[in-house]
Protein backbone atom coordinates (compact mmCIF):
# COMPACT_ATOMS: atom_id res chain seq x y z
CA MET A 1 0.00 0.00 0.00
CA SER A 2 1.26 3.47 -0.72
CA GLU A 3 0.17 6.89 0.26
CA SER A 4 0.99 10.17 -1.31
CA LEU A 5 3.09 12.77 0.47
CA ASN A 6 3.27 16.36 -0.69
CA ILE A 7 6.41 18.28 0.19
CA ARG A 8 7.97 21.56 -0.86
CA ILE A 9 11.62 21.59 -1.85
CA PRO A 10 13.87 24.45 -2.91
CA ASN A 11 14.08 25.09 -6.65
CA ASP A 12 17.79 24.29 -6.76
CA LEU A 13 17.19 20.85 -5.23
CA ARG A 14 14.33 20.21 -7.64
CA SER A 15 16.58 21.16 -10.56
CA ALA A 16 19.37 18.88 -9.34
CA LEU A 17 16.94 15.97 -8.98
CA ALA A 18 15.48 16.64 -12.42
CA ALA A 19 18.97 16.66 -13.95
CA ILE A 20 19.83 13.32 -12.33
CA SER A 21 16.48 11.91 -13.38
CA LYS A 22 17.08 12.92 -16.99
CA ALA A 23 20.71 11.75 -17.07
CA GLU A 24 19.87 8.35 -15.59
CA HIS A 25 16.59 7.92 -17.48
CA VAL A 26 14.75 7.34 -14.20
CA PRO A 27 11.38 8.97 -13.48
CA LEU A 28 11.67 11.70 -10.86
CA ARG A 29 9.22 9.95 -8.54
CA ASP A 30 11.32 6.76 -8.63
CA LEU A 31 14.51 8.73 -7.98
CA VAL A 32 12.92 10.41 -4.96
CA ARG A 33 11.63 7.08 -3.61
CA GLU A 34 15.06 5.51 -4.02
CA SER A 35 16.70 8.50 -2.33
CA LEU A 36 14.34 8.27 0.63
CA ARG A 37 14.93 4.51 0.97
CA GLU A 38 18.68 5.12 1.03
CA PHE A 39 18.26 7.93 3.56
CA VAL A 40 16.17 5.73 5.86
CA ALA A 41 18.64 2.82 5.54
CA ILE A 42 21.58 5.08 6.40
CA ARG A 43 19.76 6.52 9.42
CA ARG A 44 18.88 3.03 10.66
CA PHE A 45 22.47 1.87 10.14
CA ARG A 46 23.88 4.85 12.05
CA ARG A 47 21.46 4.30 14.93
CA LEU A 48 22.37 0.59 15.11
CA ARG A 49 26.08 1.34 14.83
CA LYS A 50 25.83 3.82 17.70
CA LYS A 51 24.26 1.12 19.89
CA VAL A 52 26.71 -1.62 18.89
CA LEU A 53 29.95 0.37 18.77
CA PRO A 54 30.69 0.23 22.52
CA LEU A 55 30.15 -3.55 22.52
CA ALA A 56 32.39 -4.02 19.48
CA GLU A 57 35.13 -1.87 20.96
CA ALA A 58 34.99 -3.89 24.17
CA GLN A 59 35.67 -6.98 22.04
CA GLY A 60 38.62 -5.29 20.35
CA LEU A 61 36.79 -4.73 17.07
CA LEU A 62 37.96 -1.25 16.17
CA THR A 63 38.14 -1.35 12.37
CA ASP A 64 36.35 -3.05 9.49
CA GLU A 65 39.43 -5.23 9.08
CA ASP A 66 39.07 -6.39 12.70
CA VAL A 67 35.48 -7.41 12.00
CA PHE A 68 36.39 -9.31 8.83
CA LYS A 69 39.19 -11.13 10.63
CA ALA A 70 36.76 -12.15 13.38
CA LEU A 71 34.36 -13.58 10.82
């Protein structure tokens, strides 16, 4: 199920989105949906990372390389 959401964005942002949409041959609405999905995923990841970071550091996992070695 989807609902519509009306928002106002500055003209320069609208122009930048339209340019990307045209260059990538992707409808503007799809580009905006994809951008919002990425934004939400990044926010969720950052929130999870903030919770897990102290636990990882306590285990000596300080870098990505440390994590890959542990796997």
